[in-house]
Each structure stands twice: as structure tokens, then as C-alpha cells.
Amino acid sequence: MLSRAPVSFAVKDDEVATGPEVSDIEHVGVRRRLRQMLAYAGFPMLGVLTPILALPAISREFGANGWAAIAVGQSVGAAASVAVELGWGLTGPQAAAASDPRDLQRLFASSLMSRAAAALAIVPAVVIVVILLDPHYVAAACLAAVAMTMSGFTTNWLYIGMGRPTRIFLTDALPRFFSVLAGVISITLLDAPLAAFSAWLVAGFLASPLFSLLLERPTWQDFRQAESVGSNFRRQRVALAGRGFSAIYIGLPVALVQAWAPNAVAGFAAVERLLRMGLLVLQGVPNSLYRTVGRTPRIGCGLGRVEIQVIRLQAGVGVVAGLVCVLLLPTTVHLVFAGQVEVGTSSCWVAGAIVLLTCLSRATGMLLVSRAAVGWVTASAGVAAIVAVTLLTFLPQAYGPVGALAALAIAEMLALVVQTYGLRRSCRQPLRHPHRISSQPEGVGLSER
């Protein structure tokens, strides 16, 4: 049975009250749950609106080739950022939710040290890959790739686990907004080259971890007591593998389409970018549930009540958001890309299916992490990556942008199938004692077979 303890309404600082006393999503109250979701979705929405300032400006000033160059660079950088992130985005939120304040400081210090070491090796490789892809405006594409790689330093996972969405706004959304705004002013009013825009992106992403350091103020003692870089790599290997596989079919599709079907890049990248922007806003729903799910004890077999509610909620969000995508995507693409790109009806339906499948897989993935079964998330991402890479080699050539979107939809569907199977297997294993997520991220899923 799930605990039905009274819910405290005291909220300290900007913390969303989703602490260990909350064991039932319904018990929190509809109004309060909506307030939590709006907080987690509202701040990322600024990050979604920010590129809308840039996309029309880039399209008007540099045409479809300019937009495609930025898209290719960001695609490569997005994949590389997963390696820099080292899986903290997957295991970090629930680990932070279970940590006391002193452990949080060491957790933060440990993540910064390990990610800095990874970035030193990855950034040069990213530049080489972009040069080999040979897009128009190579310098701008390389800098855009470096900027996206630096996004792996995000500390959003820490503030999601702490229940403090306001700090996501201060350390992530706000710096990105001003950097993009400065970049747009540079290319429109100052007649700067496209590379200047990308350089401002690099500055915005580097500002994020610096602002987090100023807010959290970890001491040198925290860094000395933090886990070593090598140990951190080993302990995060399962989560990192899962995130790495995901990057192949989430972060790299634009680069893969550039390699196999360059003529389809502009149309596919336009839809894919808007799709990811919308999914970023929808991420606010599961983000608001991490602390509730991570701190809910479970005993026995089967799904708990909270877990069932999470799946139902995400399914409902996916259906509504998918239909909105189908209806609004053509007009949005035309407006955002200044008439340089158009999208067909079939692409809209496939994009809507991707939204629904992604919402469902976010629910099953969250529950697998909370059940210490990250291995299934990694397996699902591996299957999806293999399928996506295979299909992207010929579907875009045959069917253009809609073929590339279909490859992503099939990959996402197979990822959901594997995660659902893993969740069913996990539910068959009885828990003799109340289970809570470990405060150590390395304790999540490493024993999963």
C-alpha cells in the first residue's frame, strides 16, 4: 500500500513541494500539480521561444543553406553533448532528490569534474566531424557544434531533483535567451557573418555552468571529497551508454540526412527542430514528477498507483500534443522559416506520432530508472539507434523529409516496446522492502541484466 500521509503545503525558497511526504499524484491536488507542471514547463518554454527569434533571421539573411549549416552543426553537437553529460540527465534528478544538502554539493562537484574531462577530449573531435560533413558556412557550423556540445554541462538535472525550477530559468534559459538575442542583433543590425551568431551561442552555453557555480558555491573541500573522474566514468557507464544510443537517433538524424540525402536536409531539419522544441516544453510534465516517483516507496509486484498515474498522464499529454502538432505544424514552419521551407500533411502526421511515442517512452523510462532498471533504458536506446541509422540511409533518399521522420517514428516505437517489456519484467520481481531510489547515481541499474 502506498502511504497516504498528509501533504505539507510549506514551500521553502523557490522549491516545488514534492518531497518524500508526497506519495500519490492525485493526493497533491489538481491545482497544485498544475502549478508544478507550469513551473517546470514555463521556464523551458523561454528556451523554446528563444530560437524562434533566430530562425527567421538566419533564413532571411543567409537562406536555406545558412539554416542547414547551423542545423548540421547543432545536430553533431547535440550528439556529442550526451557524451559530455555522462548520463547525469538520466540518473541525476532522482539521485539529487534523495540527497541531503551536503551530498548535493559533492554530487554537483563530481559531475562538473567528470564532464570537464570529457569535454576536453570531445570538442576537437566534434570540429573534425563537422568539417568532414562539408556544410555551407563551415565556421558557423563548427561553432554551433561546439555550443551544443557545451550544453552537456547543464545543471538542469540538479534543480529538477531539488525541486527548484526557478534556478533552471536563471542558469539555463536566461543565458541562452540573451546569447541568441545578441547573435540575432549581430547578423541583422551589424551585418556580422553567420559565425558571429554561433559564437554568441557558445558564450550562452558556457555561462550556464558558471552561473550554477555562483548559485551553489561548492567549496574546494567538496571538489576534493568528490568522486574521482575515473570512478565516475565507470559508475555512470550504463546511463552513459543509454544516453549515447539515444543521441544517435535524437541528436544525429540531421547530420545523417546531410550525409545521405543533402537535398532533404532543410525540410527535415525545420520539422525536426520545431518538434524538439515542442518536446522540450512537454518535458516539464515528467520533470515535475521526478521527486514524487523517486521518493515513493513500493512493496510487492506490479505497478504502484503513482506509476499508473504517470503513464496515464503522459499518454493523455501525448495524444493532445500530437494532435496540436498535426494541426499547427504547417503554418508554424512557414512563419518561423520565413517561407523558405514548406511541410506536407504526411510529415505532420508522422511528427504527431513521434510526439505521442516520445511522451509514452518518457513515462516508461522514468519508471525503469526509479526501479533501478536503467539497463532496459539502455537496451531500448540501442535497438532504436540501430534501426534509425539503418532506415536513415535509404528512406530520406526515397521519400525526402517524410522518410527521415518515419525513420525516427519507427525507432521511437521500438524503444517504447523494449521499455514496456522491461517494465513488465521489473513488475514481476517482488520487492520485500520499500524501495526508494539510491542517492548515488551509480547505484541505479548497474546490476541490471
Foldseek 3Di string as FASTA:
>chain_A
DWDPAQQDPDDPDQFLRQALRQQAPPNCPPVSLVVQLCLLLVLLLLVLVLCLLVQQLQCVQPNLLSVLLLLLLQLLLLLLLLQLLLLCLQLVQLLLLPDDLLVLLLVLLQRVVLSVVSLVPRLVVSLVLLVVLPGPPSLLSSLSSNLSSLLSNAPVSNCLNRRRSVLCNVQASVLQNVLQVVLSCCCPVVVDDSSSSSNSSNVSSVSRVVVVCVVSVRDVVSNVPHDDNVVSSVLSVLSSLLSSLLSLLLRNLLSLCSVQPVVQNSQQSLLSSSLVSVVSSVVSSVSSCLNNLQSIWDFWFDDDNNLVVLLVVLLVVLQVVLVVQLVCVQVVSCVSNVNSYGDDNLLSNLSSLLSNLVSNLVSLSSNCQFLLASNLSSVLSNQLSVQLSVQSNPQCVVPRSSSNSNSSSVSSNSSSVSSVVVSNVSRNDGDHTTGHRHSDSSSRNPPHD
